[in-house]
Amino acid sequence: MKYLVIIFSLFLLLSGCIFSAETPVAKVPDKYFCEQDSDCIIAILGCCPCSSGGQSEAVNVKWLKEYDKTKEPCGIDLVCTQSYHCFPAEAVCNLGKCELNPIMGLEP
């Protein structure tokens, strides 16, 4: 009986029932989801351009097309700050998420 318990315990340990090496993966929102670099694009989602306080971000190309169809127009009373927030970068797919990859050596 003692050997049966030891064998069963080893089986559980080796089969991964006691400890699992897998870590849970967080779901990437559709806005940033990608499978390859061509799924991503650089976008400025607000009403202000880079030279006036707007910020660029890498988003999913399909998501951006839908966003452009439904976004609210910018009002005539819009006030943007005079500050530059964008930097030379490329949109890349990194572990299933669109991200900005800075291009070193280029000035904004």
N, C-alpha and C. Protein backbone atom coordinates (compact mmCIF):
# COMPACT_ATOMS: atom_id res chain seq x y z
N MET A 1 0.83 -1.19 0.00
CA MET A 1 0.00 0.00 0.00
C MET A 1 0.88 1.26 0.00
N LYS A 2 1.98 1.21 0.77
CA LYS A 2 2.89 2.34 0.85
C LYS A 2 3.47 2.66 -0.52
N TYR A 3 3.83 1.64 -1.30
CA TYR A 3 4.38 1.85 -2.64
C TYR A 3 3.34 2.42 -3.59
N LEU A 4 2.10 2.02 -3.42
CA LEU A 4 1.02 2.53 -4.26
C LEU A 4 0.83 4.03 -4.05
N VAL A 5 0.91 4.48 -2.80
CA VAL A 5 0.78 5.91 -2.48
C VAL A 5 1.95 6.68 -3.07
N ILE A 6 3.14 6.16 -2.98
CA ILE A 6 4.33 6.82 -3.53
C ILE A 6 4.24 6.92 -5.04
N ILE A 7 3.84 5.86 -5.69
CA ILE A 7 3.71 5.85 -7.15
C ILE A 7 2.64 6.84 -7.58
N PHE A 8 1.51 6.85 -6.89
CA PHE A 8 0.42 7.78 -7.23
C PHE A 8 0.87 9.23 -7.03
N SER A 9 1.60 9.49 -5.96
CA SER A 9 2.10 10.85 -5.69
C SER A 9 3.07 11.30 -6.78
N LEU A 10 3.96 10.41 -7.19
CA LEU A 10 4.89 10.74 -8.27
C LEU A 10 4.15 11.01 -9.58
N PHE A 11 3.13 10.21 -9.84
CA PHE A 11 2.33 10.41 -11.05
C PHE A 11 1.70 11.79 -11.07
N LEU A 12 1.12 12.19 -9.94
CA LEU A 12 0.50 13.52 -9.86
C LEU A 12 1.53 14.63 -10.04
N LEU A 13 2.67 14.46 -9.42
CA LEU A 13 3.72 15.46 -9.51
C LEU A 13 4.22 15.60 -10.95
N LEU A 14 4.46 14.50 -11.61
CA LEU A 14 4.99 14.52 -12.97
C LEU A 14 3.94 14.92 -14.00
N SER A 15 2.69 14.69 -13.73
CA SER A 15 1.66 15.03 -14.71
C SER A 15 1.28 16.51 -14.67
N GLY A 16 1.77 17.22 -13.68
CA GLY A 16 1.50 18.65 -13.61
C GLY A 16 0.24 19.01 -12.88
N CYS A 17 -0.38 18.06 -12.22
CA CYS A 17 -1.62 18.32 -11.48
C CYS A 17 -1.36 19.13 -10.22
N ILE A 18 -0.18 18.98 -9.65
CA ILE A 18 0.12 19.70 -8.41
C ILE A 18 0.67 21.08 -8.71
N PHE A 19 1.64 21.15 -9.63
CA PHE A 19 2.27 22.42 -10.01
C PHE A 19 2.13 22.61 -11.50
N SER A 20 1.79 23.79 -11.91
CA SER A 20 1.68 24.08 -13.33
C SER A 20 2.67 25.17 -13.69
N ALA A 21 3.43 24.96 -14.78
CA ALA A 21 4.42 25.93 -15.22
C ALA A 21 3.79 27.04 -16.05
N GLU A 22 2.54 26.86 -16.46
CA GLU A 22 1.88 27.86 -17.29
C GLU A 22 1.46 29.05 -16.45
N THR A 23 1.64 30.23 -17.00
CA THR A 23 1.18 31.44 -16.35
C THR A 23 -0.02 31.97 -17.11
N PRO A 24 -1.01 32.51 -16.42
CA PRO A 24 -2.17 33.02 -17.12
C PRO A 24 -1.79 34.19 -18.02
N VAL A 25 -2.38 34.25 -19.19
CA VAL A 25 -2.09 35.29 -20.17
C VAL A 25 -3.26 36.28 -20.18
N ALA A 26 -2.94 37.55 -20.00
CA ALA A 26 -3.98 38.58 -20.02
C ALA A 26 -4.45 38.80 -21.46
N LYS A 27 -5.74 38.99 -21.64
CA LYS A 27 -6.29 39.23 -22.97
C LYS A 27 -5.93 40.65 -23.42
N VAL A 28 -5.38 40.74 -24.61
CA VAL A 28 -5.02 42.04 -25.16
C VAL A 28 -6.29 42.67 -25.76
N PRO A 29 -6.62 43.91 -25.42
CA PRO A 29 -7.80 44.56 -25.99
C PRO A 29 -7.70 44.64 -27.52
N ASP A 30 -8.84 44.58 -28.21
CA ASP A 30 -8.88 44.65 -29.68
C ASP A 30 -8.09 45.84 -30.22
N LYS A 31 -8.10 46.93 -29.47
CA LYS A 31 -7.40 48.15 -29.89
C LYS A 31 -5.92 47.88 -30.15
N TYR A 32 -5.33 46.96 -29.39
CA TYR A 32 -3.89 46.71 -29.48
C TYR A 32 -3.53 45.31 -30.00
N PHE A 33 -4.52 44.44 -30.22
CA PHE A 33 -4.24 43.05 -30.60
C PHE A 33 -3.57 42.95 -31.97
N CYS A 34 -2.57 42.06 -32.09
CA CYS A 34 -1.89 41.83 -33.36
C CYS A 34 -1.29 40.43 -33.41
N GLU A 35 -1.01 40.01 -34.63
CA GLU A 35 -0.31 38.75 -34.85
C GLU A 35 1.00 38.99 -35.59
N GLN A 36 1.09 40.12 -36.29
CA GLN A 36 2.31 40.47 -37.03
C GLN A 36 2.40 41.99 -37.12
N ASP A 37 3.57 42.49 -37.48
CA ASP A 37 3.80 43.94 -37.52
C ASP A 37 2.81 44.67 -38.43
N SER A 38 2.40 44.04 -39.52
CA SER A 38 1.50 44.71 -40.46
C SER A 38 0.09 44.91 -39.89
N ASP A 39 -0.21 44.30 -38.75
CA ASP A 39 -1.51 44.52 -38.08
C ASP A 39 -1.52 45.83 -37.31
N CYS A 40 -0.37 46.47 -37.17
CA CYS A 40 -0.24 47.66 -36.33
C CYS A 40 0.04 48.91 -37.17
N ILE A 41 -0.43 50.05 -36.66
CA ILE A 41 -0.21 51.33 -37.32
C ILE A 41 -0.08 52.41 -36.25
N ILE A 42 0.66 53.46 -36.56
CA ILE A 42 0.79 54.59 -35.63
C ILE A 42 -0.39 55.52 -35.86
N ALA A 43 -1.03 55.92 -34.76
CA ALA A 43 -2.19 56.80 -34.86
C ALA A 43 -2.13 57.87 -33.77
N ILE A 44 -2.73 59.00 -34.08
CA ILE A 44 -2.95 60.06 -33.09
C ILE A 44 -4.46 60.11 -32.91
N LEU A 45 -4.95 59.63 -31.78
CA LEU A 45 -6.38 59.43 -31.61
C LEU A 45 -7.15 60.66 -31.15
N GLY A 46 -6.47 61.62 -30.61
CA GLY A 46 -7.17 62.83 -30.16
C GLY A 46 -7.33 63.83 -31.28
N CYS A 47 -7.76 65.01 -30.93
CA CYS A 47 -7.98 66.07 -31.92
C CYS A 47 -6.74 66.93 -32.14
N CYS A 48 -5.79 66.87 -31.22
CA CYS A 48 -4.60 67.71 -31.33
C CYS A 48 -3.47 66.95 -32.02
N PRO A 49 -2.76 67.61 -32.94
CA PRO A 49 -1.62 66.95 -33.60
C PRO A 49 -0.42 66.87 -32.66
N CYS A 50 0.61 66.17 -33.10
CA CYS A 50 1.83 66.00 -32.28
C CYS A 50 2.42 67.33 -31.85
N SER A 51 2.39 68.33 -32.72
CA SER A 51 3.00 69.62 -32.42
C SER A 51 2.17 70.44 -31.43
N SER A 52 1.00 69.94 -31.07
CA SER A 52 0.12 70.68 -30.16
C SER A 52 -0.39 69.80 -29.02
N GLY A 53 0.46 68.94 -28.50
CA GLY A 53 0.10 68.15 -27.33
C GLY A 53 -0.49 66.78 -27.61
N GLY A 54 -0.74 66.45 -28.87
CA GLY A 54 -1.26 65.12 -29.19
C GLY A 54 -0.20 64.07 -28.99
N GLN A 55 -0.63 62.84 -28.78
CA GLN A 55 0.32 61.74 -28.57
C GLN A 55 0.03 60.61 -29.54
N SER A 56 1.09 60.04 -30.06
CA SER A 56 0.92 58.91 -30.97
C SER A 56 0.94 57.61 -30.17
N GLU A 57 0.26 56.61 -30.72
CA GLU A 57 0.30 55.29 -30.13
C GLU A 57 0.13 54.26 -31.23
N ALA A 58 0.56 53.04 -30.97
CA ALA A 58 0.43 51.96 -31.94
C ALA A 58 -0.88 51.22 -31.66
N VAL A 59 -1.70 51.10 -32.71
CA VAL A 59 -3.00 50.43 -32.56
C VAL A 59 -3.21 49.45 -33.72
N ASN A 60 -4.21 48.61 -33.57
CA ASN A 60 -4.58 47.64 -34.60
C ASN A 60 -5.20 48.38 -35.78
N VAL A 61 -4.79 48.03 -37.00
CA VAL A 61 -5.25 48.70 -38.22
C VAL A 61 -6.77 48.59 -38.36
N LYS A 62 -7.33 47.40 -38.16
CA LYS A 62 -8.79 47.21 -38.31
C LYS A 62 -9.54 48.00 -37.24
N TRP A 63 -9.01 48.01 -36.03
CA TRP A 63 -9.66 48.77 -34.96
C TRP A 63 -9.70 50.25 -35.31
N LEU A 64 -8.61 50.78 -35.88
CA LEU A 64 -8.53 52.20 -36.23
C LEU A 64 -9.56 52.56 -37.29
N LYS A 65 -9.77 51.67 -38.26
CA LYS A 65 -10.77 51.94 -39.30
C LYS A 65 -12.16 52.09 -38.69
N GLU A 66 -12.51 51.22 -37.73
CA GLU A 66 -13.80 51.31 -37.06
C GLU A 66 -13.88 52.56 -36.18
N TYR A 67 -12.79 52.88 -35.51
CA TYR A 67 -12.74 54.07 -34.66
C TYR A 67 -12.97 55.33 -35.50
N ASP A 68 -12.33 55.40 -36.67
CA ASP A 68 -12.48 56.57 -37.54
C ASP A 68 -13.91 56.76 -38.00
N LYS A 69 -14.66 55.66 -38.15
CA LYS A 69 -16.06 55.75 -38.58
C LYS A 69 -16.97 56.30 -37.49
N THR A 70 -16.60 56.08 -36.23
CA THR A 70 -17.51 56.41 -35.13
C THR A 70 -17.05 57.56 -34.24
N LYS A 71 -15.84 58.06 -34.45
CA LYS A 71 -15.36 59.11 -33.53
C LYS A 71 -16.11 60.41 -33.72
N GLU A 72 -16.21 61.15 -32.64
CA GLU A 72 -16.87 62.45 -32.65
C GLU A 72 -15.97 63.48 -33.32
N PRO A 73 -16.54 64.39 -34.09
CA PRO A 73 -15.70 65.44 -34.70
C PRO A 73 -15.17 66.39 -33.62
N CYS A 74 -14.03 66.97 -33.89
CA CYS A 74 -13.45 67.92 -32.95
C CYS A 74 -14.19 69.25 -33.05
N GLY A 75 -14.44 69.84 -31.92
CA GLY A 75 -15.19 71.09 -31.89
C GLY A 75 -14.34 72.29 -32.28
N ILE A 76 -15.01 73.39 -32.65
CA ILE A 76 -14.28 74.60 -33.04
C ILE A 76 -13.66 75.30 -31.84
N ASP A 77 -14.15 74.98 -30.64
CA ASP A 77 -13.61 75.61 -29.44
C ASP A 77 -12.49 74.77 -28.81
N LEU A 78 -11.92 73.87 -29.58
CA LEU A 78 -10.85 72.99 -29.11
C LEU A 78 -9.60 73.80 -28.78
N VAL A 79 -9.01 73.52 -27.64
CA VAL A 79 -7.77 74.19 -27.23
C VAL A 79 -6.69 73.12 -27.07
N CYS A 80 -5.61 73.26 -27.82
CA CYS A 80 -4.47 72.34 -27.73
C CYS A 80 -3.28 73.10 -27.15
N THR A 81 -2.44 72.40 -26.42
CA THR A 81 -1.24 73.03 -25.86
C THR A 81 -0.14 73.03 -26.91
N GLN A 82 0.78 73.97 -26.79
CA GLN A 82 1.91 74.01 -27.71
C GLN A 82 3.07 73.24 -27.11
N SER A 83 3.00 71.93 -27.27
CA SER A 83 4.08 71.07 -26.80
C SER A 83 4.14 69.84 -27.70
N TYR A 84 5.33 69.35 -27.91
CA TYR A 84 5.53 68.23 -28.84
C TYR A 84 5.68 66.94 -28.04
N HIS A 85 4.78 65.98 -28.25
CA HIS A 85 4.77 64.74 -27.47
C HIS A 85 5.09 63.49 -28.28
N CYS A 86 5.24 63.59 -29.57
CA CYS A 86 5.50 62.41 -30.40
C CYS A 86 7.00 62.25 -30.63
N PHE A 87 7.40 61.06 -31.01
CA PHE A 87 8.80 60.79 -31.28
C PHE A 87 8.90 59.82 -32.46
N PRO A 88 10.02 59.83 -33.18
CA PRO A 88 10.17 58.91 -34.32
C PRO A 88 10.08 57.46 -33.84
N ALA A 89 9.17 56.72 -34.44
CA ALA A 89 8.97 55.34 -34.02
C ALA A 89 8.32 54.56 -35.15
N GLU A 90 8.28 53.25 -34.96
CA GLU A 90 7.57 52.38 -35.87
C GLU A 90 6.60 51.53 -35.05
N ALA A 91 5.50 51.16 -35.66
CA ALA A 91 4.52 50.31 -34.98
C ALA A 91 4.92 48.86 -35.21
N VAL A 92 5.07 48.11 -34.11
CA VAL A 92 5.46 46.71 -34.20
C VAL A 92 4.53 45.86 -33.35
N CYS A 93 4.47 44.57 -33.68
CA CYS A 93 3.70 43.61 -32.90
C CYS A 93 4.67 42.91 -31.94
N ASN A 94 4.47 43.10 -30.65
CA ASN A 94 5.34 42.51 -29.64
C ASN A 94 4.50 41.64 -28.71
N LEU A 95 4.66 40.34 -28.82
CA LEU A 95 3.94 39.39 -27.97
C LEU A 95 2.42 39.58 -28.06
N GLY A 96 1.93 39.82 -29.28
CA GLY A 96 0.49 39.94 -29.49
C GLY A 96 -0.10 41.30 -29.21
N LYS A 97 0.74 42.31 -28.98
CA LYS A 97 0.25 43.66 -28.68
C LYS A 97 1.00 44.68 -29.52
N CYS A 98 0.24 45.58 -30.15
CA CYS A 98 0.85 46.67 -30.93
C CYS A 98 1.55 47.63 -29.97
N GLU A 99 2.80 47.96 -30.31
CA GLU A 99 3.57 48.88 -29.49
C GLU A 99 4.39 49.79 -30.37
N LEU A 100 4.77 50.95 -29.82
CA LEU A 100 5.68 51.84 -30.51
C LEU A 100 7.11 51.42 -30.22
N ASN A 101 7.91 51.31 -31.26
CA ASN A 101 9.32 50.99 -31.13
C ASN A 101 10.10 52.22 -31.56
N PRO A 102 10.73 52.94 -30.60
CA PRO A 102 11.45 54.16 -30.96
C PRO A 102 12.55 53.91 -31.97
N ILE A 103 12.70 54.83 -32.89
CA ILE A 103 13.79 54.76 -33.87
C ILE A 103 14.88 55.69 -33.35
N MET A 104 15.96 55.10 -32.91
CA MET A 104 17.05 55.86 -32.31
C MET A 104 17.82 56.66 -33.36
N GLY A 105 18.28 57.83 -32.98
CA GLY A 105 19.09 58.64 -33.86
C GLY A 105 18.31 59.63 -34.69
N LEU A 106 16.99 59.57 -34.66
CA LEU A 106 16.17 60.54 -35.42
C LEU A 106 15.59 61.54 -34.45
N GLU A 107 15.58 62.77 -34.86
CA GLU A 107 15.01 63.84 -34.05
C GLU A 107 13.51 63.95 -34.34
N PRO A 108 12.72 64.31 -33.35
CA PRO A 108 11.27 64.47 -33.57
C PRO A 108 10.95 65.60 -34.53
